[in-house]
Amino acid sequence: MKIWFILLSLLAMAATWFWGNYRHPQARASFGQRMKLLSRSLIAGVIVYFALMSAALLFLMVKTG
């Protein structure tokens, strides 16, 4: 189950990166904009991962308790 969480968080990072590149093509993006997009993508992946882990924890608490 944890593997799926990691894969979904990687998918969220890739989707954020794609959406950011779609809005700001590389020809116009400066180095600072690329780093900002990279940090947003990483943050999106981390948020998705911890949200899924929290949902799994709540599910297990309800199911076993």
C-alpha atoms as a PDB file:
ATOM      1  CA  MET A   1       0.000   0.000   0.000  1.00  0.00           C
ATOM      2  CA  LYS A   2       2.850   2.371   0.789  1.00  0.00           C
ATOM      3  CA  ILE A   3       4.288   1.818  -2.696  1.00  0.00           C
ATOM      4  CA  TRP A   4       1.046   3.125  -4.184  1.00  0.00           C
ATOM      5  CA  PHE A   5       1.258   6.207  -1.986  1.00  0.00           C
ATOM      6  CA  ILE A   6       4.757   6.889  -3.233  1.00  0.00           C
ATOM      7  CA  LEU A   7       3.683   6.374  -6.845  1.00  0.00           C
ATOM      8  CA  LEU A   8       0.692   8.688  -6.423  1.00  0.00           C
ATOM      9  CA  SER A   9       2.867  11.370  -4.838  1.00  0.00           C
ATOM     10  CA  LEU A  10       5.319  11.076  -7.762  1.00  0.00           C
ATOM     11  CA  LEU A  11       2.364  11.412 -10.117  1.00  0.00           C
ATOM     12  CA  ALA A  12       1.287  14.569  -8.268  1.00  0.00           C
ATOM     13  CA  MET A  13       4.799  15.995  -8.609  1.00  0.00           C
ATOM     14  CA  ALA A  14       4.891  15.179 -12.320  1.00  0.00           C
ATOM     15  CA  ALA A  15       1.442  16.684 -12.869  1.00  0.00           C
ATOM     16  CA  THR A  16       2.430  19.864 -11.037  1.00  0.00           C
ATOM     17  CA  TRP A  17       5.634  20.098 -13.079  1.00  0.00           C
ATOM     18  CA  PHE A  18       3.708  19.527 -16.325  1.00  0.00           C
ATOM     19  CA  TRP A  19       1.060  22.107 -15.443  1.00  0.00           C
ATOM     20  CA  GLY A  20       3.721  24.648 -14.506  1.00  0.00           C
ATOM     21  CA  ASN A  21       5.604  24.083 -17.756  1.00  0.00           C
ATOM     22  CA  TYR A  22       2.365  24.329 -19.688  1.00  0.00           C
ATOM     23  CA  ARG A  23       1.693  27.759 -18.191  1.00  0.00           C
ATOM     24  CA  HIS A  24       5.321  28.955 -18.442  1.00  0.00           C
ATOM     25  CA  PRO A  25       7.192  27.420 -21.376  1.00  0.00           C
ATOM     26  CA  GLN A  26      10.919  26.864 -20.849  1.00  0.00           C
ATOM     27  CA  ALA A  27      11.853  29.458 -23.487  1.00  0.00           C
ATOM     28  CA  ARG A  28      10.453  32.222 -21.262  1.00  0.00           C
ATOM     29  CA  ALA A  29      11.164  30.770 -17.837  1.00  0.00           C
ATOM     30  CA  SER A  30      14.155  32.076 -15.937  1.00  0.00           C
ATOM     31  CA  PHE A  31      16.248  29.970 -13.574  1.00  0.00           C
ATOM     32  CA  GLY A  32      14.372  31.403 -10.601  1.00  0.00           C
ATOM     33  CA  GLN A  33      11.024  30.486 -12.104  1.00  0.00           C
ATOM     34  CA  ARG A  34      12.234  26.944 -12.767  1.00  0.00           C
ATOM     35  CA  MET A  35      13.424  26.569  -9.181  1.00  0.00           C
ATOM     36  CA  LYS A  36      10.110  27.930  -7.919  1.00  0.00           C
ATOM     37  CA  LEU A  37       8.273  25.401 -10.077  1.00  0.00           C
ATOM     38  CA  LEU A  38      10.535  22.617  -8.813  1.00  0.00           C
ATOM     39  CA  SER A  39       9.881  23.542  -5.191  1.00  0.00           C
ATOM     40  CA  ARG A  40       6.128  23.701  -5.777  1.00  0.00           C
ATOM     41  CA  SER A  41       6.222  20.287  -7.419  1.00  0.00           C
ATOM     42  CA  LEU A  42       8.135  18.780  -4.510  1.00  0.00           C
ATOM     43  CA  ILE A  43       5.791  20.369  -1.996  1.00  0.00           C
ATOM     44  CA  ALA A  44       2.766  19.016  -3.885  1.00  0.00           C
ATOM     45  CA  GLY A  45       4.242  15.512  -3.802  1.00  0.00           C
ATOM     46  CA  VAL A  46       4.977  15.713  -0.076  1.00  0.00           C
ATOM     47  CA  ILE A  47       1.468  16.989   0.686  1.00  0.00           C
ATOM     48  CA  VAL A  48      -0.140  14.195  -1.327  1.00  0.00           C
ATOM     49  CA  TYR A  49       2.056  11.584   0.377  1.00  0.00           C
ATOM     50  CA  PHE A  50       1.233  12.750   3.896  1.00  0.00           C
ATOM     51  CA  ALA A  51      -2.459  13.149   3.070  1.00  0.00           C
ATOM     52  CA  LEU A  52      -2.599   9.552   1.847  1.00  0.00           C
ATOM     53  CA  MET A  53      -0.673   8.300   4.883  1.00  0.00           C
ATOM     54  CA  SER A  54      -3.070  10.193   7.177  1.00  0.00           C
ATOM     55  CA  ALA A  55      -6.070   8.711   5.385  1.00  0.00           C
ATOM     56  CA  ALA A  56      -4.587   5.218   5.745  1.00  0.00           C
ATOM     57  CA  LEU A  57      -3.935   5.809   9.442  1.00  0.00           C
ATOM     58  CA  LEU A  58      -7.490   6.995  10.015  1.00  0.00           C
ATOM     59  CA  PHE A  59      -8.840   4.024   8.066  1.00  0.00           C
ATOM     60  CA  LEU A  60      -6.834   1.566  10.139  1.00  0.00           C
ATOM     61  CA  MET A  61      -7.841   3.264  13.395  1.00  0.00           C
ATOM     62  CA  VAL A  62     -11.534   3.069  12.494  1.00  0.00           C
ATOM     63  CA  LYS A  63     -11.317  -0.442  11.087  1.00  0.00           C
ATOM     64  CA  THR A  64      -9.463  -1.986  14.041  1.00  0.00           C
ATOM     65  CA  GLY A  65     -11.044   0.063  16.809  1.00  0.00           C
END
